[in-house]
Amino acid sequence: MKKTLLLAGVASIFAFEAQAGYWNDVYNQMHPYIGADYIYSNAKFGGAARHMKESYSSPSINIGARMYGYMGLEAFYQQALKEKKTIDGEKHSTEFLAYGVDLYGYMPIMCSQFNLLGSLGLANYRFDFRYPDVANKSQNRIGYRAGIGMQYDFNEHFAFRMMGRYSYLGMKRVNNLKEVTAGLRFMF
């Protein structure tokens, strides 16, 4: 009986060590980061919003993790600045915000510091419109996103990222967005 308990205790210690080793490998393969981007967006408007200003500047913050060197997952929040336009003495304005998640693929080129990127994601977009016929109109829609770009890692903690992205919304007033982003990442 004592030998059985001793053997069970030794086996559980080895099992615990193997499990701890597995989680240590997973932790070593995951690199969390935070970042900030500048985003230039061009919106394709339709319907009653076709006279709205089409270009927007917006800041974005994001948090994510690069896993196993070749893939990553990132959540973001973006708030566009309000854009105003006067047509025939009538004021039009619009603004939007977006938040969502993107899945990234990394492909190192030449040296390990330079990576090509591809992304696919989903985001919730909210547009607020103001024009003469309507005092205030808001619309929400979940859109699909796809992007390509590059990332240069200065060192193990700082990186620069630049991406081009297409977002399909399919709303009556906003069909799609084409965006160019540039920003910095701090990796832990």
N, C-alpha and C. Protein backbone atom coordinates (compact mmCIF):
# COMPACT_ATOMS: atom_id res chain seq x y z
N MET A 1 0.82 -1.19 0.00
CA MET A 1 0.00 0.00 0.00
C MET A 1 0.87 1.26 0.00
N LYS A 2 1.93 1.23 0.83
CA LYS A 2 2.81 2.40 0.91
C LYS A 2 3.55 2.61 -0.42
N LYS A 3 3.95 1.49 -1.06
CA LYS A 3 4.64 1.60 -2.34
C LYS A 3 3.71 2.16 -3.41
N THR A 4 2.46 1.76 -3.37
CA THR A 4 1.49 2.25 -4.33
C THR A 4 1.28 3.75 -4.17
N LEU A 5 1.13 4.20 -2.95
CA LEU A 5 0.97 5.64 -2.69
C LEU A 5 2.22 6.41 -3.11
N LEU A 6 3.39 5.84 -2.81
CA LEU A 6 4.63 6.49 -3.20
C LEU A 6 4.74 6.60 -4.72
N LEU A 7 4.42 5.50 -5.43
CA LEU A 7 4.47 5.53 -6.89
C LEU A 7 3.44 6.51 -7.46
N ALA A 8 2.25 6.56 -6.88
CA ALA A 8 1.22 7.51 -7.35
C ALA A 8 1.68 8.94 -7.13
N GLY A 9 2.31 9.21 -5.99
CA GLY A 9 2.82 10.55 -5.71
C GLY A 9 3.91 10.95 -6.69
N VAL A 10 4.84 10.06 -6.98
CA VAL A 10 5.92 10.35 -7.92
C VAL A 10 5.34 10.56 -9.33
N ALA A 11 4.38 9.73 -9.74
CA ALA A 11 3.76 9.89 -11.06
C ALA A 11 3.03 11.22 -11.18
N SER A 12 2.35 11.64 -10.13
CA SER A 12 1.64 12.93 -10.18
C SER A 12 2.62 14.10 -10.24
N ILE A 13 3.77 13.98 -9.60
CA ILE A 13 4.78 15.05 -9.69
C ILE A 13 5.29 15.16 -11.12
N PHE A 14 5.58 14.00 -11.75
CA PHE A 14 6.04 14.04 -13.15
C PHE A 14 4.96 14.60 -14.07
N ALA A 15 3.71 14.22 -13.82
CA ALA A 15 2.61 14.74 -14.64
C ALA A 15 2.47 16.25 -14.46
N PHE A 16 2.60 16.72 -13.22
CA PHE A 16 2.52 18.16 -12.97
C PHE A 16 3.65 18.89 -13.66
N GLU A 17 4.86 18.34 -13.60
CA GLU A 17 6.01 18.97 -14.25
C GLU A 17 5.81 19.01 -15.76
N ALA A 18 5.27 17.96 -16.34
CA ALA A 18 5.03 17.95 -17.79
C ALA A 18 4.00 18.99 -18.17
N GLN A 19 2.94 19.12 -17.37
CA GLN A 19 1.90 20.11 -17.64
C GLN A 19 2.47 21.52 -17.49
N ALA A 20 3.27 21.76 -16.47
CA ALA A 20 3.89 23.08 -16.27
C ALA A 20 4.83 23.41 -17.43
N GLY A 21 5.55 22.41 -17.93
CA GLY A 21 6.42 22.62 -19.08
C GLY A 21 5.63 23.00 -20.32
N TYR A 22 4.47 22.37 -20.52
CA TYR A 22 3.62 22.69 -21.65
C TYR A 22 3.15 24.14 -21.58
N TRP A 23 2.64 24.56 -20.44
CA TRP A 23 2.15 25.93 -20.31
C TRP A 23 3.29 26.94 -20.39
N ASN A 24 4.47 26.57 -19.96
CA ASN A 24 5.63 27.45 -20.09
C ASN A 24 5.97 27.65 -21.57
N ASP A 25 5.88 26.58 -22.38
CA ASP A 25 6.12 26.70 -23.82
C ASP A 25 5.08 27.60 -24.48
N VAL A 26 3.81 27.42 -24.09
CA VAL A 26 2.74 28.26 -24.64
C VAL A 26 2.99 29.72 -24.28
N TYR A 27 3.34 29.99 -23.02
CA TYR A 27 3.61 31.37 -22.60
C TYR A 27 4.79 31.96 -23.37
N ASN A 28 5.83 31.17 -23.60
CA ASN A 28 6.99 31.67 -24.33
C ASN A 28 6.68 31.94 -25.80
N GLN A 29 5.66 31.30 -26.36
CA GLN A 29 5.29 31.50 -27.75
C GLN A 29 4.26 32.61 -27.95
N MET A 30 3.75 33.19 -26.87
CA MET A 30 2.75 34.26 -26.96
C MET A 30 3.37 35.57 -26.50
N HIS A 31 3.28 36.59 -27.36
CA HIS A 31 3.88 37.88 -27.06
C HIS A 31 2.79 38.96 -27.11
N PRO A 32 2.25 39.37 -25.95
CA PRO A 32 1.21 40.41 -25.94
C PRO A 32 1.79 41.78 -26.28
N TYR A 33 0.92 42.66 -26.81
CA TYR A 33 1.36 44.01 -27.15
C TYR A 33 0.19 44.98 -27.07
N ILE A 34 0.53 46.26 -27.02
CA ILE A 34 -0.45 47.34 -27.14
C ILE A 34 0.05 48.25 -28.26
N GLY A 35 -0.86 49.02 -28.84
CA GLY A 35 -0.44 49.87 -29.93
C GLY A 35 -1.37 51.05 -30.15
N ALA A 36 -0.90 51.98 -30.96
CA ALA A 36 -1.68 53.16 -31.34
C ALA A 36 -1.42 53.41 -32.83
N ASP A 37 -2.50 53.76 -33.56
CA ASP A 37 -2.41 53.98 -34.99
C ASP A 37 -3.05 55.30 -35.38
N TYR A 38 -2.58 55.85 -36.50
CA TYR A 38 -3.28 56.92 -37.21
C TYR A 38 -3.93 56.25 -38.41
N ILE A 39 -5.20 56.53 -38.66
CA ILE A 39 -5.93 55.90 -39.76
C ILE A 39 -6.53 56.98 -40.66
N TYR A 40 -6.25 56.86 -41.96
CA TYR A 40 -6.89 57.70 -42.97
C TYR A 40 -7.92 56.82 -43.66
N SER A 41 -9.19 57.22 -43.61
CA SER A 41 -10.29 56.43 -44.17
C SER A 41 -10.95 57.18 -45.31
N ASN A 42 -11.34 56.44 -46.34
CA ASN A 42 -12.12 56.98 -47.44
C ASN A 42 -13.40 56.16 -47.53
N ALA A 43 -14.55 56.82 -47.32
CA ALA A 43 -15.84 56.13 -47.30
C ALA A 43 -16.56 56.31 -48.62
N LYS A 44 -17.24 55.26 -49.06
CA LYS A 44 -18.08 55.35 -50.25
C LYS A 44 -19.52 55.48 -49.78
N PHE A 45 -20.06 56.70 -49.88
CA PHE A 45 -21.42 56.99 -49.43
C PHE A 45 -22.42 56.81 -50.55
N GLY A 46 -23.67 56.55 -50.16
CA GLY A 46 -24.76 56.43 -51.12
C GLY A 46 -26.05 56.92 -50.50
N GLY A 47 -27.11 56.89 -51.25
CA GLY A 47 -28.41 57.31 -50.74
C GLY A 47 -28.41 58.78 -50.33
N ALA A 48 -29.09 59.08 -49.23
CA ALA A 48 -29.20 60.46 -48.75
C ALA A 48 -27.86 61.02 -48.27
N ALA A 49 -26.88 60.16 -48.01
CA ALA A 49 -25.58 60.61 -47.50
C ALA A 49 -24.55 60.81 -48.60
N ARG A 50 -24.95 60.75 -49.87
CA ARG A 50 -23.98 60.82 -50.96
C ARG A 50 -23.20 62.13 -51.03
N HIS A 51 -23.69 63.20 -50.38
CA HIS A 51 -22.99 64.48 -50.39
C HIS A 51 -22.04 64.65 -49.20
N MET A 52 -21.96 63.67 -48.34
CA MET A 52 -21.10 63.78 -47.16
C MET A 52 -19.63 63.79 -47.57
N LYS A 53 -18.80 64.32 -46.68
CA LYS A 53 -17.37 64.33 -46.92
C LYS A 53 -16.86 62.89 -46.83
N GLU A 54 -16.01 62.48 -47.74
CA GLU A 54 -15.63 61.08 -47.84
C GLU A 54 -14.36 60.70 -47.09
N SER A 55 -13.51 61.65 -46.72
CA SER A 55 -12.25 61.29 -46.07
C SER A 55 -12.28 61.65 -44.58
N TYR A 56 -11.67 60.77 -43.79
CA TYR A 56 -11.66 60.92 -42.33
C TYR A 56 -10.28 60.60 -41.78
N SER A 57 -9.94 61.27 -40.71
CA SER A 57 -8.74 60.96 -39.94
C SER A 57 -9.19 60.46 -38.58
N SER A 58 -8.52 59.43 -38.10
CA SER A 58 -8.93 58.91 -36.80
C SER A 58 -7.77 58.23 -36.09
N PRO A 59 -7.76 58.35 -34.76
CA PRO A 59 -6.81 57.57 -33.96
C PRO A 59 -7.42 56.21 -33.63
N SER A 60 -6.56 55.27 -33.34
CA SER A 60 -7.01 53.93 -32.97
C SER A 60 -6.07 53.39 -31.90
N ILE A 61 -6.63 52.67 -30.94
CA ILE A 61 -5.83 51.95 -29.95
C ILE A 61 -6.13 50.47 -30.12
N ASN A 62 -5.15 49.65 -29.81
CA ASN A 62 -5.35 48.22 -29.96
C ASN A 62 -4.54 47.43 -28.94
N ILE A 63 -4.99 46.22 -28.71
CA ILE A 63 -4.31 45.29 -27.82
C ILE A 63 -4.36 43.93 -28.48
N GLY A 64 -3.25 43.21 -28.43
CA GLY A 64 -3.22 41.93 -29.11
C GLY A 64 -2.11 41.04 -28.61
N ALA A 65 -1.97 39.93 -29.30
CA ALA A 65 -0.90 38.98 -28.98
C ALA A 65 -0.45 38.31 -30.27
N ARG A 66 0.87 38.20 -30.41
CA ARG A 66 1.45 37.43 -31.51
C ARG A 66 1.76 36.05 -30.97
N MET A 67 1.28 35.02 -31.68
CA MET A 67 1.41 33.66 -31.17
C MET A 67 2.19 32.79 -32.15
N TYR A 68 3.11 32.03 -31.63
CA TYR A 68 3.89 31.05 -32.40
C TYR A 68 4.64 31.68 -33.57
N GLY A 69 4.87 32.97 -33.54
CA GLY A 69 5.68 33.65 -34.54
C GLY A 69 4.98 33.99 -35.84
N TYR A 70 3.92 33.26 -36.22
CA TYR A 70 3.32 33.45 -37.53
C TYR A 70 1.86 33.88 -37.51
N MET A 71 1.26 34.01 -36.35
CA MET A 71 -0.14 34.44 -36.30
C MET A 71 -0.36 35.34 -35.10
N GLY A 72 -1.44 36.10 -35.14
CA GLY A 72 -1.76 37.00 -34.05
C GLY A 72 -3.25 37.31 -34.01
N LEU A 73 -3.69 37.81 -32.88
CA LEU A 73 -5.07 38.21 -32.68
C LEU A 73 -5.05 39.58 -32.05
N GLU A 74 -5.86 40.52 -32.58
CA GLU A 74 -5.82 41.91 -32.12
C GLU A 74 -7.23 42.47 -32.02
N ALA A 75 -7.51 43.15 -30.91
CA ALA A 75 -8.76 43.89 -30.72
C ALA A 75 -8.44 45.38 -30.85
N PHE A 76 -9.38 46.16 -31.42
CA PHE A 76 -9.10 47.58 -31.64
C PHE A 76 -10.34 48.42 -31.36
N TYR A 77 -10.09 49.71 -31.15
CA TYR A 77 -11.14 50.73 -31.05
C TYR A 77 -10.68 51.93 -31.85
N GLN A 78 -11.56 52.45 -32.71
CA GLN A 78 -11.24 53.57 -33.60
C GLN A 78 -12.34 54.62 -33.50
N GLN A 79 -11.96 55.89 -33.38
CA GLN A 79 -12.92 57.00 -33.31
C GLN A 79 -12.52 58.05 -34.33
N ALA A 80 -13.34 58.21 -35.38
CA ALA A 80 -13.05 59.21 -36.42
C ALA A 80 -13.46 60.60 -35.93
N LEU A 81 -12.73 61.60 -36.38
CA LEU A 81 -13.06 62.98 -36.06
C LEU A 81 -14.25 63.42 -36.90
N LYS A 82 -15.07 64.31 -36.36
CA LYS A 82 -16.26 64.78 -37.08
C LYS A 82 -15.83 65.60 -38.30
N GLU A 83 -16.44 65.29 -39.43
CA GLU A 83 -16.17 66.01 -40.68
C GLU A 83 -17.42 66.80 -41.07
N LYS A 84 -17.21 68.07 -41.43
CA LYS A 84 -18.32 68.95 -41.80
C LYS A 84 -18.17 69.39 -43.25
N LYS A 85 -19.31 69.60 -43.90
CA LYS A 85 -19.31 70.05 -45.29
C LYS A 85 -20.52 70.94 -45.49
N THR A 86 -20.36 72.05 -46.20
CA THR A 86 -21.47 72.96 -46.50
C THR A 86 -21.77 72.88 -47.99
N ILE A 87 -23.04 72.55 -48.30
CA ILE A 87 -23.48 72.44 -49.69
C ILE A 87 -24.68 73.36 -49.86
N ASP A 88 -24.57 74.35 -50.74
CA ASP A 88 -25.64 75.32 -51.00
C ASP A 88 -26.13 75.97 -49.70
N GLY A 89 -25.21 76.31 -48.82
CA GLY A 89 -25.55 76.96 -47.56
C GLY A 89 -26.10 76.04 -46.49
N GLU A 90 -26.23 74.76 -46.77
CA GLU A 90 -26.74 73.80 -45.79
C GLU A 90 -25.59 72.98 -45.22
N LYS A 91 -25.60 72.78 -43.90
CA LYS A 91 -24.51 72.07 -43.24
C LYS A 91 -24.79 70.57 -43.18
N HIS A 92 -23.75 69.81 -43.53
CA HIS A 92 -23.76 68.36 -43.43
C HIS A 92 -22.59 67.96 -42.54
N SER A 93 -22.78 66.97 -41.69
CA SER A 93 -21.66 66.46 -40.89
C SER A 93 -21.86 64.97 -40.65
N THR A 94 -20.75 64.31 -40.45
CA THR A 94 -20.78 62.87 -40.14
C THR A 94 -19.53 62.50 -39.35
N GLU A 95 -19.66 61.44 -38.58
CA GLU A 95 -18.54 60.87 -37.84
C GLU A 95 -18.84 59.39 -37.64
N PHE A 96 -17.80 58.62 -37.32
CA PHE A 96 -18.03 57.20 -37.06
C PHE A 96 -17.05 56.68 -36.04
N LEU A 97 -17.41 55.55 -35.44
CA LEU A 97 -16.53 54.82 -34.56
C LEU A 97 -16.62 53.35 -34.93
N ALA A 98 -15.57 52.61 -34.60
CA ALA A 98 -15.54 51.19 -34.92
C ALA A 98 -14.76 50.46 -33.83
N TYR A 99 -15.16 49.24 -33.58
CA TYR A 99 -14.40 48.35 -32.69
C TYR A 99 -14.59 46.93 -33.17
N GLY A 100 -13.55 46.12 -32.99
CA GLY A 100 -13.64 44.75 -33.48
C GLY A 100 -12.39 43.95 -33.23
N VAL A 101 -12.27 42.83 -33.95
CA VAL A 101 -11.17 41.89 -33.78
C VAL A 101 -10.64 41.49 -35.16
N ASP A 102 -9.32 41.41 -35.27
CA ASP A 102 -8.66 40.98 -36.50
C ASP A 102 -7.73 39.81 -36.20
N LEU A 103 -7.68 38.85 -37.11
CA LEU A 103 -6.73 37.74 -37.06
C LEU A 103 -5.62 38.07 -38.05
N TYR A 104 -4.36 38.00 -37.60
CA TYR A 104 -3.21 38.38 -38.43
C TYR A 104 -2.37 37.17 -38.77
N GLY A 105 -1.78 37.22 -39.96
CA GLY A 105 -0.75 36.27 -40.36
C GLY A 105 0.53 37.03 -40.62
N TYR A 106 1.65 36.54 -40.09
CA TYR A 106 2.96 37.18 -40.24
C TYR A 106 3.84 36.30 -41.12
N MET A 107 4.56 36.93 -42.06
CA MET A 107 5.51 36.20 -42.89
C MET A 107 6.84 36.96 -42.88
N PRO A 108 7.85 36.44 -42.15
CA PRO A 108 9.16 37.12 -42.11
C PRO A 108 9.80 37.16 -43.50
N ILE A 109 10.38 38.31 -43.85
CA ILE A 109 11.06 38.49 -45.13
C ILE A 109 12.51 38.88 -44.86
N MET A 110 13.43 38.27 -45.56
CA MET A 110 14.87 38.54 -45.49
C MET A 110 15.41 38.36 -44.08
N CYS A 111 15.12 39.28 -43.20
CA CYS A 111 15.60 39.18 -41.83
C CYS A 111 14.37 39.01 -40.92
N SER A 112 14.59 38.61 -39.72
CA SER A 112 13.46 38.34 -38.82
C SER A 112 12.76 39.61 -38.35
N GLN A 113 13.33 40.79 -38.62
CA GLN A 113 12.72 42.03 -38.16
C GLN A 113 11.65 42.57 -39.11
N PHE A 114 11.65 42.17 -40.35
CA PHE A 114 10.71 42.68 -41.34
C PHE A 114 9.69 41.59 -41.65
N ASN A 115 8.38 41.93 -41.51
CA ASN A 115 7.30 40.96 -41.73
C ASN A 115 6.26 41.51 -42.68
N LEU A 116 5.79 40.67 -43.60
CA LEU A 116 4.60 40.99 -44.37
C LEU A 116 3.40 40.53 -43.55
N LEU A 117 2.30 41.29 -43.63
CA LEU A 117 1.12 40.98 -42.83
C LEU A 117 -0.11 40.80 -43.71
N GLY A 118 -0.99 39.95 -43.27
CA GLY A 118 -2.31 39.81 -43.84
C GLY A 118 -3.29 39.74 -42.69
N SER A 119 -4.48 40.32 -42.86
CA SER A 119 -5.45 40.29 -41.76
C SER A 119 -6.86 40.06 -42.28
N LEU A 120 -7.66 39.40 -41.47
CA LEU A 120 -9.09 39.22 -41.69
C LEU A 120 -9.78 39.50 -40.38
N GLY A 121 -10.93 40.19 -40.43
CA GLY A 121 -11.59 40.50 -39.17
C GLY A 121 -13.03 40.92 -39.32
N LEU A 122 -13.63 41.16 -38.17
CA LEU A 122 -15.00 41.67 -38.06
C LEU A 122 -14.97 42.90 -37.17
N ALA A 123 -15.81 43.88 -37.51
CA ALA A 123 -15.88 45.10 -36.70
C ALA A 123 -17.30 45.64 -36.71
N ASN A 124 -17.69 46.27 -35.62
CA ASN A 124 -18.96 46.97 -35.54
C ASN A 124 -18.70 48.44 -35.86
N TYR A 125 -19.38 48.98 -36.87
CA TYR A 125 -19.23 50.37 -37.28
C TYR A 125 -20.50 51.12 -36.91
N ARG A 126 -20.33 52.30 -36.34
CA ARG A 126 -21.47 53.17 -36.03
C ARG A 126 -21.22 54.52 -36.69
N PHE A 127 -22.12 54.92 -37.58
CA PHE A 127 -22.05 56.20 -38.27
C PHE A 127 -23.14 57.11 -37.74
N ASP A 128 -22.78 58.37 -37.47
CA ASP A 128 -23.74 59.40 -37.07
C ASP A 128 -23.77 60.46 -38.17
N PHE A 129 -24.96 60.68 -38.75
CA PHE A 129 -25.15 61.63 -39.84
C PHE A 129 -25.99 62.81 -39.36
N ARG A 130 -25.66 63.99 -39.86
CA ARG A 130 -26.50 65.19 -39.69
C ARG A 130 -26.53 65.92 -41.02
N TYR A 131 -27.73 66.08 -41.56
CA TYR A 131 -27.91 66.84 -42.79
C TYR A 131 -29.30 67.44 -42.79
N PRO A 132 -29.60 68.37 -43.73
CA PRO A 132 -30.83 69.17 -43.63
C PRO A 132 -32.12 68.38 -43.45
N ASP A 133 -32.28 67.28 -44.14
CA ASP A 133 -33.53 66.52 -44.02
C ASP A 133 -33.66 65.77 -42.70
N VAL A 134 -32.53 65.44 -42.09
CA VAL A 134 -32.53 64.66 -40.85
C VAL A 134 -31.63 65.35 -39.84
N ALA A 135 -32.14 65.61 -38.64
CA ALA A 135 -31.34 66.28 -37.61
C ALA A 135 -30.21 65.37 -37.15
N ASN A 136 -30.50 64.09 -36.92
CA ASN A 136 -29.48 63.17 -36.47
C ASN A 136 -29.92 61.75 -36.83
N LYS A 137 -29.07 61.03 -37.53
CA LYS A 137 -29.36 59.66 -37.92
C LYS A 137 -28.14 58.81 -37.61
N SER A 138 -28.35 57.72 -36.87
CA SER A 138 -27.27 56.80 -36.54
C SER A 138 -27.54 55.45 -37.17
N GLN A 139 -26.47 54.81 -37.63
CA GLN A 139 -26.59 53.47 -38.17
C GLN A 139 -25.44 52.61 -37.68
N ASN A 140 -25.76 51.39 -37.27
CA ASN A 140 -24.76 50.39 -36.85
C ASN A 140 -24.76 49.25 -37.85
N ARG A 141 -23.57 48.71 -38.08
CA ARG A 141 -23.48 47.54 -38.95
C ARG A 141 -22.18 46.82 -38.65
N ILE A 142 -22.23 45.50 -38.63
CA ILE A 142 -21.02 44.70 -38.52
C ILE A 142 -20.46 44.53 -39.92
N GLY A 143 -19.19 44.86 -40.08
CA GLY A 143 -18.54 44.79 -41.38
C GLY A 143 -17.40 43.80 -41.39
N TYR A 144 -17.09 43.33 -42.59
CA TYR A 144 -15.97 42.42 -42.80
C TYR A 144 -14.76 43.23 -43.21
N ARG A 145 -13.58 42.85 -42.71
CA ARG A 145 -12.35 43.59 -42.99
C ARG A 145 -11.27 42.65 -43.52
N ALA A 146 -10.48 43.17 -44.45
CA ALA A 146 -9.32 42.44 -44.96
C ALA A 146 -8.22 43.45 -45.19
N GLY A 147 -6.99 43.08 -44.85
CA GLY A 147 -5.89 44.03 -45.01
C GLY A 147 -4.58 43.35 -45.35
N ILE A 148 -3.67 44.13 -45.92
CA ILE A 148 -2.30 43.69 -46.17
C ILE A 148 -1.37 44.82 -45.73
N GLY A 149 -0.16 44.46 -45.35
CA GLY A 149 0.78 45.48 -44.92
C GLY A 149 2.12 44.91 -44.53
N MET A 150 2.84 45.69 -43.75
CA MET A 150 4.16 45.29 -43.28
C MET A 150 4.38 45.77 -41.86
N GLN A 151 5.29 45.07 -41.17
CA GLN A 151 5.69 45.46 -39.82
C GLN A 151 7.20 45.33 -39.71
N TYR A 152 7.81 46.35 -39.13
CA TYR A 152 9.26 46.32 -38.89
C TYR A 152 9.48 46.37 -37.39
N ASP A 153 10.15 45.36 -36.85
CA ASP A 153 10.45 45.30 -35.42
C ASP A 153 11.80 45.97 -35.17
N PHE A 154 11.78 47.13 -34.49
CA PHE A 154 13.03 47.83 -34.17
C PHE A 154 13.89 47.00 -33.22
N ASN A 155 13.24 46.44 -32.22
CA ASN A 155 13.90 45.54 -31.26
C ASN A 155 12.82 44.62 -30.71
N GLU A 156 13.07 43.94 -29.62
CA GLU A 156 12.08 42.99 -29.10
C GLU A 156 10.88 43.66 -28.45
N HIS A 157 10.91 45.00 -28.27
CA HIS A 157 9.79 45.68 -27.62
C HIS A 157 9.03 46.67 -28.51
N PHE A 158 9.66 47.26 -29.51
CA PHE A 158 9.02 48.29 -30.34
C PHE A 158 8.96 47.86 -31.80
N ALA A 159 7.81 48.18 -32.44
CA ALA A 159 7.63 47.85 -33.86
C ALA A 159 6.82 48.95 -34.53
N PHE A 160 7.04 49.11 -35.83
CA PHE A 160 6.28 50.03 -36.67
C PHE A 160 5.44 49.19 -37.63
N ARG A 161 4.16 49.54 -37.78
CA ARG A 161 3.26 48.80 -38.67
C ARG A 161 2.57 49.76 -39.63
N MET A 162 2.44 49.33 -40.89
CA MET A 162 1.70 50.09 -41.90
C MET A 162 0.83 49.10 -42.66
N MET A 163 -0.46 49.44 -42.84
CA MET A 163 -1.40 48.52 -43.48
C MET A 163 -2.37 49.27 -44.39
N GLY A 164 -2.84 48.58 -45.40
CA GLY A 164 -3.97 49.02 -46.21
C GLY A 164 -5.11 48.06 -45.93
N ARG A 165 -6.32 48.59 -45.79
CA ARG A 165 -7.43 47.74 -45.38
C ARG A 165 -8.70 48.11 -46.15
N TYR A 166 -9.49 47.10 -46.48
CA TYR A 166 -10.79 47.28 -47.11
C TYR A 166 -11.84 46.71 -46.16
N SER A 167 -12.88 47.49 -45.88
CA SER A 167 -13.98 47.06 -45.01
C SER A 167 -15.28 47.15 -45.78
N TYR A 168 -15.99 46.05 -45.84
CA TYR A 168 -17.29 46.03 -46.51
C TYR A 168 -18.39 46.12 -45.46
N LEU A 169 -19.26 47.15 -45.61
CA LEU A 169 -20.35 47.35 -44.67
C LEU A 169 -21.72 47.03 -45.29
N GLY A 170 -21.92 47.37 -46.55
CA GLY A 170 -23.16 47.07 -47.23
C GLY A 170 -24.37 47.84 -46.71
N MET A 171 -24.15 48.99 -46.07
CA MET A 171 -25.26 49.81 -45.58
C MET A 171 -25.80 50.65 -46.74
N LYS A 172 -27.03 51.11 -46.61
CA LYS A 172 -27.63 51.95 -47.64
C LYS A 172 -26.84 53.26 -47.81
N ARG A 173 -26.40 53.82 -46.71
CA ARG A 173 -25.67 55.10 -46.77
C ARG A 173 -24.15 54.92 -46.90
N VAL A 174 -23.61 53.81 -46.40
CA VAL A 174 -22.16 53.58 -46.46
C VAL A 174 -21.92 52.16 -46.98
N ASN A 175 -21.34 52.06 -48.17
CA ASN A 175 -21.10 50.74 -48.76
C ASN A 175 -19.79 50.13 -48.25
N ASN A 176 -18.70 50.92 -48.27
CA ASN A 176 -17.40 50.37 -47.86
C ASN A 176 -16.47 51.47 -47.39
N LEU A 177 -15.38 51.06 -46.78
CA LEU A 177 -14.30 51.95 -46.34
C LEU A 177 -12.99 51.41 -46.88
N LYS A 178 -12.14 52.31 -47.35
CA LYS A 178 -10.77 51.95 -47.71
C LYS A 178 -9.88 52.75 -46.77
N GLU A 179 -8.97 52.05 -46.08
CA GLU A 179 -8.17 52.71 -45.04
C GLU A 179 -6.69 52.44 -45.22
N VAL A 180 -5.89 53.42 -44.79
CA VAL A 180 -4.45 53.28 -44.67
C VAL A 180 -4.11 53.58 -43.22
N THR A 181 -3.38 52.68 -42.56
CA THR A 181 -3.04 52.86 -41.15
C THR A 181 -1.53 52.83 -40.97
N ALA A 182 -1.06 53.58 -40.01
CA ALA A 182 0.34 53.56 -39.62
C ALA A 182 0.40 53.76 -38.12
N GLY A 183 1.24 52.97 -37.46
CA GLY A 183 1.32 53.11 -36.01
C GLY A 183 2.46 52.33 -35.38
N LEU A 184 2.53 52.43 -34.07
CA LEU A 184 3.59 51.80 -33.28
C LEU A 184 2.99 50.74 -32.36
N ARG A 185 3.80 49.73 -32.06
CA ARG A 185 3.42 48.66 -31.14
C ARG A 185 4.49 48.55 -30.05
N PHE A 186 4.02 48.32 -28.82
CA PHE A 186 4.93 48.02 -27.72
C PHE A 186 4.64 46.60 -27.27
N MET A 187 5.64 45.71 -27.39
CA MET A 187 5.47 44.31 -27.04
C MET A 187 6.08 44.02 -25.67
N PHE A 188 5.36 43.29 -24.88
CA PHE A 188 5.80 42.97 -23.50
C PHE A 188 6.74 41.77 -23.51
